Protein backbone atom coordinates (compact mmCIF):
# COMPACT_ATOMS: atom_id res chain seq x y z
CA UNK A 1 -2.69 -24.28 -14.15
CA UNK A 2 -2.95 -20.76 -15.53
CA UNK A 3 0.23 -18.64 -15.22
CA UNK A 4 -0.03 -15.62 -17.57
CA UNK A 5 3.34 -14.76 -19.12
CA UNK A 6 2.76 -10.98 -18.97
CA UNK A 7 2.58 -10.90 -15.15
CA UNK A 8 5.31 -11.05 -12.49
CA UNK A 9 5.05 -13.30 -9.42
CA UNK A 10 6.28 -13.82 -5.87
CA UNK A 11 7.27 -17.02 -4.12
CA UNK A 12 4.34 -16.25 -1.76
CA UNK A 13 1.95 -16.78 -4.73
CA UNK A 14 0.92 -13.20 -5.43
CA UNK A 15 0.88 -11.85 -8.99
CA UNK A 16 1.50 -8.27 -10.04
CA UNK A 17 0.64 -6.39 -13.23
CA UNK A 18 2.69 -3.20 -13.61
CA UNK A 19 1.46 -0.32 -15.78
CA UNK A 20 3.67 2.74 -15.39
CA UNK A 21 3.90 3.44 -11.65
CA UNK A 22 0.61 1.64 -10.90
CA UNK A 23 0.36 -2.04 -10.05
CA UNK A 24 -2.58 -4.41 -9.75
CA UNK A 25 -2.10 -7.33 -7.36
CA UNK A 26 -3.88 -10.60 -6.62
CA UNK A 27 -3.18 -14.22 -5.75
CA UNK A 28 -2.25 -16.81 -8.34
CA UNK A 29 -4.34 -19.60 -9.77
CA UNK A 30 -2.09 -22.02 -7.85
CA UNK A 31 -2.76 -20.19 -4.56
CA UNK A 32 -6.54 -20.05 -4.98
CA UNK A 33 -6.56 -23.75 -5.86
CA UNK A 34 -4.52 -24.62 -2.76
CA UNK A 35 -6.75 -22.49 -0.50
CA UNK A 36 -10.02 -23.91 -1.84
CA UNK A 37 -13.32 -22.05 -1.76
CA UNK A 38 -12.66 -18.44 -0.79
CA UNK A 39 -15.39 -16.97 1.39
CA UNK A 40 -13.97 -13.60 2.53
CA UNK A 41 -11.25 -11.15 1.56
CA UNK A 42 -10.20 -8.66 4.27
CA UNK A 43 -8.14 -5.71 3.07
CA UNK A 44 -8.08 -2.54 5.15
CA UNK A 45 -4.81 -1.07 3.91
CA UNK A 46 -6.12 1.58 1.48
CA UNK A 47 -4.07 4.76 1.82
CA UNK A 48 -1.28 3.01 3.68
CA UNK A 49 2.31 3.09 2.51
CA UNK A 50 3.75 -0.40 2.86
CA UNK A 51 7.06 -2.07 2.11
CA UNK A 52 7.64 -5.08 -0.10
CA UNK A 53 6.76 -8.21 1.88
CA UNK A 54 4.40 -6.41 4.28
CA UNK A 55 0.97 -7.95 4.90
CA UNK A 56 -1.72 -5.95 3.09
CA UNK A 57 -4.70 -8.14 4.01
CA UNK A 58 -5.98 -11.68 4.45
CA UNK A 59 -7.99 -14.13 2.42
CA UNK A 60 -10.30 -16.59 4.19
CA UNK A 61 -11.16 -19.94 2.69
CA UNK A 62 -13.47 -22.58 4.13
CA UNK A 63 -10.65 -24.25 6.07
CA UNK A 64 -7.96 -21.58 6.53
CA UNK A 65 -6.99 -17.91 6.63
CA UNK A 66 -3.92 -16.78 4.70
CA UNK A 67 -1.98 -13.51 4.80
CA UNK A 68 -1.52 -11.48 1.62
CA UNK A 69 2.00 -10.09 1.06
CA UNK A 70 2.75 -6.98 -0.97
CA UNK A 71 5.14 -7.74 -3.88
CA UNK A 72 6.56 -4.20 -4.05
CA UNK A 73 6.76 -1.12 -1.84
CA UNK A 74 4.18 1.60 -2.32
CA UNK A 75 0.80 3.00 -1.33
CA UNK A 76 -2.43 0.99 -1.64
CA UNK A 77 -4.83 3.15 -3.64
CA UNK A 78 -7.79 0.85 -4.25
CA UNK A 79 -9.36 -2.41 -3.12
CA UNK A 80 -11.43 -4.42 -5.59
CA UNK A 81 -14.98 -3.36 -4.63
CA UNK A 82 -16.50 -6.52 -6.11
CA UNK A 83 -14.78 -8.85 -3.64
CA UNK A 84 -16.99 -7.89 -0.71
CA UNK A 85 -20.12 -9.29 -2.35
CA UNK A 86 -18.34 -11.84 -4.55
CA UNK A 87 -15.13 -13.19 -2.91
CA UNK A 88 -15.42 -16.36 -5.00
CA UNK A 89 -14.25 -14.28 -7.99
CA UNK A 90 -10.75 -15.00 -6.66
CA UNK A 91 -11.43 -18.69 -7.38
CA UNK A 92 -13.16 -18.27 -10.73
CA UNK A 93 -11.03 -15.47 -12.23
CA UNK A 94 -7.89 -14.80 -10.12
CA UNK A 95 -6.20 -12.70 -12.82
CA UNK A 96 -9.31 -10.75 -13.86
CA UNK A 97 -12.36 -10.05 -11.68
CA UNK A 98 -10.54 -11.55 -8.67
CA UNK A 99 -7.79 -8.90 -8.46
CA UNK A 100 -7.33 -7.60 -4.92
CA UNK A 101 -5.62 -4.20 -4.78
CA UNK A 102 -4.11 -1.44 -6.87
CA UNK A 103 -1.14 0.53 -5.65
CA UNK A 104 1.27 3.30 -6.57
CA UNK A 105 4.80 1.87 -6.70
CA UNK A 106 7.45 3.77 -4.72
CA UNK A 107 10.48 1.54 -5.44
CA UNK A 108 10.43 0.51 -9.13
CA UNK A 109 13.81 -1.21 -8.81
CA UNK A 110 12.14 -3.91 -6.69
CA UNK A 111 10.91 -5.57 -9.89
CA UNK A 112 14.32 -7.29 -9.89
CA UNK A 113 13.15 -9.46 -6.98
CA UNK A 114 9.97 -10.62 -8.75
CA UNK A 115 9.67 -13.92 -10.62
CA UNK A 116 8.92 -14.37 -14.29
CA UNK A 117 6.08 -16.70 -15.29
CA UNK A 118 8.59 -19.42 -16.26
CA UNK A 119 10.45 -19.25 -12.94
CA UNK A 120 7.19 -19.20 -10.95
CA UNK A 121 5.85 -22.16 -12.96
CA UNK A 122 8.98 -24.18 -12.16
CA UNK A 123 8.56 -23.43 -8.43
CA UNK A 124 4.96 -24.66 -8.30
CA UNK A 125 5.41 -27.66 -10.63
């Protein structure tokens, strides 16, 4: 299982890459594996200011639909445009081409509630 050390994680299986006050978010390799073949990603929260833990969209796999939870508070600024035509990128490259949203962080102190790669790896082991 791939758990990049440079990312932060949530117990809901989202990852977050923070660069300044911008964050890129997606679901983990563990999550995409558990969901199976992803067929649709529905995110209509661009421009919305959301709080940590709020639902920012859903991901649909062959057998289930799962909510996507925002790891930190802020405003969604971009949805990955490639996911509409190629949702399976979440399965093949969850930390690269399969990213889901970018956001502007409004509460940087919330990083304290995120999990390191080691802690996340121990939770999913």
